[in-house]
Every structure is written in C-alpha cells, then in structure tokens.
Amino acid sequence: MSNDIEKNLRDTVKGLFADKKVDIVIGFEQGSLPFLARPCFIKSAEKTEKLIWNSSCSNNIAVFLPRFFSRKPPVKDKANEIPVVGIVTKGCDARSVIGLVKEKQVLRDKVVIIGIPCEGVIDPHKLETALEGESITGWKYTSNGFIECTTNRNHSTRLKKEDLLAESCLQCAHPEPENMDIRIEGKSKSSVHDKYKNIKDFEEKTLNERWQYFTDEISKCIKCNACRQACPNCYCKVCFADQTKPRWIGPGFDLSDIMIYHIGRIFHQAGRCVECDACVRACPMNIDLRLFTRKVCKDVKELFSYVPGLSVDELPPLLCFNQDDSEDFITAIK
C-alpha cells in the first residue's frame, strides 16, 4: 500500500510541476536514519523521486507555510513574488493549513493541498521500547498491519503497527484530510468517537490535584521553546515570551515564569489546536503537553461546537462574537 501511495504521490507532484501549477512542494524525504522521515522542499519535477510516504512521516509540515507569505508581494521584482506552494498533508496537517488561511497567514489561492488518508504514524518512543533499546537498521511493512524491523544486533522483530501508533493517532477523529485540492488514493484509519476519555478522567480530579499535576509536568521544562517552534499556530514574529517592552517573563528558570509561558501558550491554542502533537514530539523532556491542549480543545468544542480546520468559512470562536455566546466560562459564581 505504501509503495502505491508513494508512486501516486510522485506522479501527482510531477504533473503539478509539468502543468506549472506549483512553484515548490513541501513533503517528506528519507532521513539519515532508517526509521526517520524529514521535511523536504521540492522545486522541480526531477526531484520528486525524493518524496516518500510512510508511518515515519510524523511532522506537521504546515509549520513551514507562513514563511512563504511573510513578506509583501513586490511590485516589480517578479523573481520574488509569492510562490504557489504544494503541501503533502495528513488529516491534522490539512486542518492546520486551513487554520492558517483563516488567520490570514496563508493565501488559499497560493496553496495546493495534497491530501493523503492517514493510517497513523508511529511513536519513536514506543518503537524504541518495543525493541528494548536496539537501533533499527531496516524495516518494511508486512501483511495484516505488521512491521518487520531488523536491528543493529541482527535481530528481526515483527511488531504490530497498531501497538506503536502515536497517542494523537489513537485519539484522532479526523484522519481523512479536509478541504484538500488533490487526494492521493489510500485508506485512512477508523475515526475515534470518544476521543476525550482521558480528559474526562483529568476533569474528575479536584482543582488542587489538577494544579499539582500541571506543576509537576511543567517543572520539567528547560525553556528550549521546541514546542513553540514545532507548532504551526505559533507564527508570531515576536512571541510574548520574548518581549522586553514590557517583559512578561523573566530570563531565568523561575517556575512561575515557566508556568506563565505554558499557560499563555495553552490558551493561545484555544480554537486553533488540531491535536497533531507536534509540540509533544518536539519536547525533549517528554512533558505531557497533550493533556493540557486537548483539555482546551474539548472545552471549545463543548462551549462553541467548533472543531478547528474543518470549515474554511467558519471563524474560530476567539475571532468572532455572537450575542448568544455562552458566558459560563467567565466566572464559576452562579
């Protein structure tokens, strides 16, 4: 299946270049390690053979889009006009693109969304645990949803793909890309209906227990900003955490400063986060950022019946106001 998708993807991108419908395509290529895909930027039909698609294509590459639209279109210098960008997307990536369009960070008529139905990506930590710390030297898909891995100790291990899927995939309700311009034929994994079960467990804790869990997790933070850099929604030219006039956050490692950064970032994701877990994968300290951002996603869905990235026209709740909007969130006092 993967080989068919890769062939169709490469043929599709070649056709886009041949018809001069794109100037550049953002996709994935083989990384420096066997089970590592990395983002790549294709600028000609001859380079399309680099494109791959498999369960290691985990990055949300929508993060690269705003930089193509960050400058004003020049009047005379044709060489520097905004290019038409093709982008290879999973379900969560495509929703991120639409979110950027709605926030006017990307021009919709300058983006070609190439959608691939997602069967889920593999969590490298789960794979490493399953292989008991051995390094992968090669791998391939086998029948019935299994992956066969060879390791540096010449061991061959057959693993069930479903047991290795990232948590974001196990809880994904929208594996099929939305609002795509081109669909690569393939089969997506089943949608999850009760996706917020673990959030409900968190909500049953007392306020003190929730705060203690948040404190324990955030105390691991080393202020590397990897979560911010990996997130398509964090496109601000100057983050509030980096501002000096006024200075919101101190330069040291005071826990209250670190908490302010994360609380600000979490609420910044309200109505915008597509639960791709790019921030979680980027975090070197394995902080459970997923729990906090998904809690906000659940609240937005329940309060405003809004899911980010599904509709091109519907504005996020924090970008619009309706007279009948609920005000229950303002205070707990009835």
Protein backbone atom coordinates (compact mmCIF):
# COMPACT_ATOMS: atom_id res chain seq x y z
CA MET A 1 0.00 0.00 0.00
CA SER A 2 2.76 2.43 0.96
CA ASN A 3 4.60 1.86 -2.36
CA ASP A 4 1.40 2.59 -4.30
CA ILE A 5 0.84 5.79 -2.35
CA GLU A 6 4.42 6.92 -2.90
CA LYS A 7 4.20 6.24 -6.65
CA ASN A 8 0.88 8.10 -6.93
CA LEU A 9 2.25 10.98 -4.87
CA ARG A 10 5.35 11.34 -7.02
CA ASP A 11 3.33 11.15 -10.24
CA THR A 12 0.89 13.74 -8.93
CA VAL A 13 3.66 16.17 -7.97
CA LYS A 14 5.38 15.65 -11.33
CA GLY A 15 2.11 16.54 -13.01
CA LEU A 16 1.75 19.70 -10.93
CA PHE A 17 5.20 20.86 -11.98
CA ALA A 18 4.58 19.90 -15.61
CA ASP A 19 1.36 21.93 -15.65
CA LYS A 20 3.12 24.79 -13.81
CA LYS A 21 0.54 24.72 -11.04
CA VAL A 22 3.12 24.87 -8.24
CA ASP A 23 6.49 26.50 -7.71
CA ILE A 24 7.50 24.39 -4.73
CA VAL A 25 6.15 21.34 -2.89
CA ILE A 26 6.69 20.61 0.80
CA GLY A 27 6.74 16.90 1.58
CA PHE A 28 8.86 14.21 3.22
CA GLU A 29 12.10 12.50 2.26
CA GLN A 30 14.13 9.71 3.82
CA GLY A 31 16.11 10.93 6.82
CA SER A 32 19.58 9.99 7.97
CA LEU A 33 18.30 7.02 10.00
CA PRO A 34 16.23 4.08 8.66
CA PHE A 35 13.04 4.98 10.54
CA LEU A 36 13.25 8.74 10.15
CA ALA A 37 11.44 10.93 7.65
CA ARG A 38 12.29 14.60 7.41
CA PRO A 39 10.64 17.55 5.65
CA CYS A 40 11.88 18.36 2.16
CA PHE A 41 11.27 21.14 -0.34
CA ILE A 42 10.87 20.04 -3.96
CA LYS A 43 11.43 22.72 -6.60
CA SER A 44 11.36 20.68 -9.81
CA ALA A 45 9.83 17.56 -11.32
CA GLU A 46 13.26 15.90 -11.40
CA LYS A 47 13.45 15.94 -7.59
CA THR A 48 10.12 14.22 -6.96
CA GLU A 49 11.79 10.81 -6.56
CA LYS A 50 12.92 12.04 -3.15
CA LEU A 51 9.32 12.07 -1.90
CA ILE A 52 8.29 9.29 0.47
CA TRP A 53 5.18 8.44 2.45
CA ASN A 54 5.08 6.01 5.36
CA SER A 55 4.41 5.75 9.08
CA SER A 56 7.50 7.79 9.95
CA CYS A 57 6.10 10.97 8.31
CA SER A 58 5.03 12.45 11.62
CA ASN A 59 5.96 16.15 11.39
CA ASN A 60 3.23 18.72 10.86
CA ILE A 61 4.88 20.46 7.91
CA ALA A 62 2.23 23.19 7.82
CA VAL A 63 4.63 24.95 10.19
CA PHE A 64 6.73 25.96 7.18
CA LEU A 65 3.94 27.69 5.24
CA PRO A 66 3.78 31.14 6.89
CA ARG A 67 7.37 31.96 5.93
CA PHE A 68 6.37 31.89 2.25
CA PHE A 69 3.75 34.56 2.92
CA SER A 70 5.55 36.70 5.47
CA ARG A 71 6.65 39.40 3.03
CA LYS A 72 4.57 41.80 0.99
CA PRO A 73 4.34 40.92 -2.71
CA PRO A 74 6.82 43.12 -4.59
CA VAL A 75 5.52 45.29 -7.40
CA LYS A 76 8.36 44.99 -9.90
CA ASP A 77 10.64 42.15 -8.84
CA LYS A 78 8.88 39.17 -10.40
CA ALA A 79 11.53 36.77 -9.13
CA ASN A 80 10.47 37.39 -5.53
CA GLU A 81 6.72 37.07 -5.93
CA ILE A 82 4.89 34.79 -3.53
CA PRO A 83 5.15 31.25 -4.93
CA VAL A 84 2.36 28.71 -5.26
CA VAL A 85 3.15 26.11 -2.62
CA GLY A 86 2.03 22.49 -2.74
CA ILE A 87 1.96 20.69 0.58
CA VAL A 88 1.58 16.98 1.36
CA THR A 89 -0.82 16.59 4.29
CA LYS A 90 -2.32 14.14 6.72
CA GLY A 91 -5.67 14.95 8.30
CA CYS A 92 -4.20 17.11 11.08
CA ASP A 93 -1.77 18.87 8.73
CA ALA A 94 -4.57 19.84 6.33
CA ARG A 95 -6.60 21.29 9.20
CA SER A 96 -3.56 23.34 10.24
CA VAL A 97 -3.29 24.75 6.71
CA ILE A 98 -6.94 25.80 6.78
CA GLY A 99 -6.40 27.37 10.20
CA LEU A 100 -3.53 29.43 8.82
CA VAL A 101 -5.69 30.50 5.88
CA LYS A 102 -8.45 31.69 8.22
CA GLU A 103 -5.95 33.63 10.30
CA LYS A 104 -4.65 35.28 7.12
CA GLN A 105 -1.17 33.82 7.42
CA VAL A 106 -1.53 31.90 4.15
CA LEU A 107 -3.27 32.78 0.89
CA ARG A 108 -5.66 29.98 -0.07
CA ASP A 109 -5.22 30.52 -3.80
CA LYS A 110 -1.46 30.16 -3.39
CA VAL A 111 -1.61 26.76 -1.69
CA VAL A 112 -2.30 23.37 -3.24
CA ILE A 113 -3.29 20.91 -0.51
CA ILE A 114 -2.32 17.34 -1.44
CA GLY A 115 -4.21 15.09 0.96
CA ILE A 116 -3.25 11.54 1.91
CA PRO A 117 -5.66 9.47 4.03
CA CYS A 118 -3.77 8.73 7.23
CA GLU A 119 -3.33 5.25 8.72
CA GLY A 120 -1.48 6.73 11.70
CA VAL A 121 2.16 7.49 12.40
CA ILE A 122 4.44 5.55 14.72
CA ASP A 123 5.71 6.92 18.02
CA PRO A 124 9.52 6.52 18.06
CA HIS A 125 9.49 6.13 21.86
CA LYS A 126 7.08 3.20 21.65
CA LEU A 127 9.19 1.65 18.90
CA GLU A 128 12.37 2.06 20.94
CA THR A 129 10.69 0.46 23.95
CA ALA A 130 9.42 -2.45 21.86
CA LEU A 131 12.92 -3.05 20.52
CA GLU A 132 14.38 -2.85 24.06
CA GLY A 133 16.79 -0.09 23.11
CA GLU A 134 18.23 -1.71 19.98
CA SER A 135 18.73 0.53 16.95
CA ILE A 136 16.84 -0.06 13.71
CA THR A 137 18.93 -0.84 10.66
CA GLY A 138 16.00 -1.59 8.36
CA TRP A 139 12.25 -2.07 8.29
CA LYS A 140 9.35 -2.90 5.99
CA TYR A 141 5.60 -3.36 6.07
CA THR A 142 4.29 -6.91 6.16
CA SER A 143 0.78 -8.24 5.80
CA ASN A 144 -2.07 -7.70 8.24
CA GLY A 145 -0.80 -4.48 9.80
CA PHE A 146 2.63 -5.62 10.99
CA ILE A 147 6.07 -4.05 10.64
CA GLU A 148 9.23 -6.14 10.42
CA CYS A 149 12.33 -4.48 11.87
CA THR A 150 15.96 -5.51 11.77
CA THR A 151 18.31 -4.15 14.44
CA ASN A 152 21.99 -3.45 14.99
CA ARG A 153 22.25 -6.81 16.76
CA ASN A 154 20.99 -8.62 13.67
CA HIS A 155 17.68 -9.39 15.32
CA SER A 156 14.50 -9.47 13.25
CA THR A 157 11.37 -8.42 15.10
CA ARG A 158 7.79 -8.41 13.89
CA LEU A 159 5.68 -5.74 15.58
CA LYS A 160 2.01 -4.86 15.32
CA LYS A 161 1.72 -1.36 13.92
CA GLU A 162 -1.37 -0.52 15.97
CA ASP A 163 0.62 -1.05 19.19
CA LEU A 164 3.17 1.55 18.07
CA LEU A 165 0.86 4.35 16.94
CA ALA A 166 1.29 7.83 18.41
CA GLU A 167 -1.29 8.82 21.01
CA SER A 168 -2.54 11.58 18.73
CA CYS A 169 -3.38 8.93 16.13
CA LEU A 170 -5.07 6.63 18.63
CA GLN A 171 -7.31 9.56 19.61
CA CYS A 172 -7.79 11.02 16.12
CA ALA A 173 -11.33 11.74 14.94
CA HIS A 174 -10.34 13.21 11.55
CA PRO A 175 -7.74 11.01 9.79
CA GLU A 176 -9.10 11.98 6.37
CA PRO A 177 -7.74 15.35 5.14
CA GLU A 178 -10.39 18.05 4.78
CA ASN A 179 -10.63 20.77 2.12
CA MET A 180 -7.89 19.20 0.00
CA ASP A 181 -7.31 20.11 -3.62
CA ILE A 182 -5.92 16.71 -4.62
CA ARG A 183 -6.49 13.35 -2.93
CA ILE A 184 -3.95 10.55 -3.16
CA GLU A 185 -5.80 7.24 -3.13
CA GLY A 186 -5.46 5.31 0.09
CA LYS A 187 -7.23 4.07 3.17
CA SER A 188 -7.41 6.02 6.41
CA LYS A 189 -7.65 4.53 9.89
CA SER A 190 -11.00 4.47 11.64
CA SER A 191 -12.16 7.63 13.39
CA VAL A 192 -12.25 7.66 17.19
CA HIS A 193 -15.55 8.79 18.69
CA ASP A 194 -14.82 9.02 22.43
CA LYS A 195 -11.53 10.83 21.89
CA TYR A 196 -11.55 12.75 25.18
CA LYS A 197 -11.81 9.85 27.62
CA ASN A 198 -8.52 10.66 29.36
CA ILE A 199 -9.54 14.34 29.59
CA LYS A 200 -12.71 13.31 31.39
CA ASP A 201 -10.56 11.40 33.88
CA PHE A 202 -8.50 14.56 34.44
CA GLU A 203 -11.64 16.64 34.93
CA GLU A 204 -12.76 14.33 37.73
CA LYS A 205 -9.74 15.34 39.79
CA THR A 206 -10.06 18.16 42.32
CA LEU A 207 -8.73 21.60 41.40
CA ASN A 208 -5.76 21.09 43.71
CA GLU A 209 -4.98 17.73 42.10
CA ARG A 210 -5.14 19.26 38.62
CA TRP A 211 -2.87 22.11 39.64
CA GLN A 212 -0.39 19.71 41.22
CA TYR A 213 -0.29 17.61 38.04
CA PHE A 214 0.27 20.74 35.94
CA THR A 215 3.02 21.91 38.30
CA ASP A 216 4.78 18.55 38.26
CA GLU A 217 4.76 18.37 34.47
CA ILE A 218 5.76 21.96 33.77
CA SER A 219 8.58 21.83 36.34
CA LYS A 220 10.40 19.55 33.84
CA CYS A 221 10.56 22.38 31.27
CA ILE A 222 14.03 23.64 30.28
CA LYS A 223 12.69 26.62 28.27
CA CYS A 224 14.05 25.33 24.97
CA ASN A 225 10.93 26.60 23.11
CA ALA A 226 10.85 23.46 20.94
CA CYS A 227 7.07 23.18 21.44
CA ARG A 228 6.62 26.70 20.11
CA GLN A 229 8.90 26.22 17.12
CA ALA A 230 7.21 22.96 16.05
CA CYS A 231 3.66 24.34 16.22
CA PRO A 232 2.05 25.77 13.04
CA ASN A 233 -0.06 28.08 15.22
CA CYS A 234 2.99 29.76 16.78
CA TYR A 235 3.79 32.07 13.88
CA CYS A 236 4.11 35.38 15.78
CA LYS A 237 7.14 37.40 14.70
CA VAL A 238 7.92 38.11 18.37
CA CYS A 239 6.47 35.75 20.98
CA PHE A 240 5.11 37.34 24.14
CA ALA A 241 7.66 35.22 25.99
CA ASP A 242 10.50 37.06 24.20
CA GLN A 243 9.17 40.60 24.53
CA THR A 244 11.16 43.04 26.63
CA LYS A 245 8.88 46.10 26.46
CA PRO A 246 7.05 45.07 28.53
CA ARG A 247 8.82 41.96 29.78
CA TRP A 248 6.24 39.31 30.57
CA ILE A 249 8.60 36.51 31.57
CA GLY A 250 11.94 36.58 33.32
CA PRO A 251 15.07 35.22 31.63
CA GLY A 252 15.80 32.68 34.36
CA PHE A 253 14.24 29.38 35.35
CA ASP A 254 11.80 30.55 37.97
CA LEU A 255 8.90 28.08 37.95
CA SER A 256 6.27 30.84 37.94
CA ASP A 257 7.79 32.30 34.75
CA ILE A 258 7.80 28.90 33.08
CA MET A 259 4.17 28.39 34.11
CA ILE A 260 3.16 31.77 32.67
CA TYR A 261 4.73 30.81 29.33
CA HIS A 262 2.92 27.48 29.16
CA ILE A 263 -0.42 28.83 30.38
CA GLY A 264 -0.21 31.60 27.78
CA ARG A 265 0.67 29.15 25.05
CA ILE A 266 -2.04 26.65 26.03
CA PHE A 267 -4.78 29.27 25.94
CA HIS A 268 -3.31 30.63 22.71
CA GLN A 269 -4.29 27.26 21.22
CA ALA A 270 -7.99 27.63 22.07
CA GLY A 271 -9.97 27.12 18.86
CA ARG A 272 -6.74 26.64 16.90
CA CYS A 273 -5.04 23.42 18.04
CA VAL A 274 -5.65 20.44 15.71
CA GLU A 275 -4.15 17.96 18.19
CA CYS A 276 -1.33 16.92 15.86
CA ASP A 277 1.04 16.59 18.85
CA ALA A 278 3.92 18.33 17.08
CA CYS A 279 4.69 20.05 20.39
CA VAL A 280 4.76 16.72 22.25
CA ARG A 281 7.11 15.09 19.75
CA ALA A 282 9.43 18.10 19.87
CA CYS A 283 9.66 18.25 23.67
CA PRO A 284 12.98 16.75 24.85
CA MET A 285 11.64 16.40 28.41
CA ASN A 286 8.54 14.35 27.48
CA ILE A 287 6.18 16.82 29.16
CA ASP A 288 2.53 15.83 28.83
CA LEU A 289 1.56 18.93 26.84
CA ARG A 290 -1.11 16.86 25.09
CA LEU A 291 -3.32 16.71 28.16
CA PHE A 292 -3.49 20.48 28.58
CA THR A 293 -4.02 21.44 24.95
CA ARG A 294 -6.62 18.72 24.44
CA LYS A 295 -8.48 19.90 27.55
CA VAL A 296 -8.80 23.33 25.89
CA CYS A 297 -9.89 21.66 22.61
CA LYS A 298 -12.60 19.76 24.46
CA ASP A 299 -13.85 22.94 26.16
CA VAL A 300 -14.01 24.84 22.85
CA LYS A 301 -15.96 22.03 21.22
CA GLU A 302 -18.45 21.84 24.09
CA LEU A 303 -18.86 25.61 24.56
CA PHE A 304 -18.87 26.68 20.92
CA SER A 305 -19.44 23.47 18.88
CA TYR A 306 -16.26 24.28 17.00
CA VAL A 307 -13.54 21.96 15.66
CA PRO A 308 -10.51 23.73 14.13
CA GLY A 309 -9.72 23.34 10.45
CA LEU A 310 -12.85 21.54 9.27
CA SER A 311 -14.55 24.57 7.71
CA VAL A 312 -12.89 27.18 5.53
CA ASP A 313 -15.55 29.80 6.25
CA GLU A 314 -16.38 29.34 9.95
CA LEU A 315 -14.25 31.63 12.09
CA PRO A 316 -12.61 30.38 15.30
CA PRO A 317 -14.58 31.32 18.44
CA LEU A 318 -11.96 33.79 19.65
CA LEU A 319 -12.03 35.67 16.34
CA CYS A 320 -15.76 36.36 16.38
CA PHE A 321 -18.60 37.27 18.73
CA ASN A 322 -22.22 36.20 18.82
CA GLN A 323 -24.88 37.65 21.06
CA ASP A 324 -25.93 34.19 22.21
CA ASP A 325 -22.41 33.02 23.12
CA SER A 326 -22.23 31.28 26.47
CA GLU A 327 -20.75 33.34 29.29
CA ASP A 328 -20.50 30.48 31.77
CA PHE A 329 -16.73 30.40 31.43
CA ILE A 330 -16.34 33.95 32.79
CA THR A 331 -16.94 33.03 36.39
CA ALA A 332 -17.79 29.99 38.45
CA ILE A 333 -20.17 32.07 40.59
CA LYS A 334 -23.80 31.47 39.65
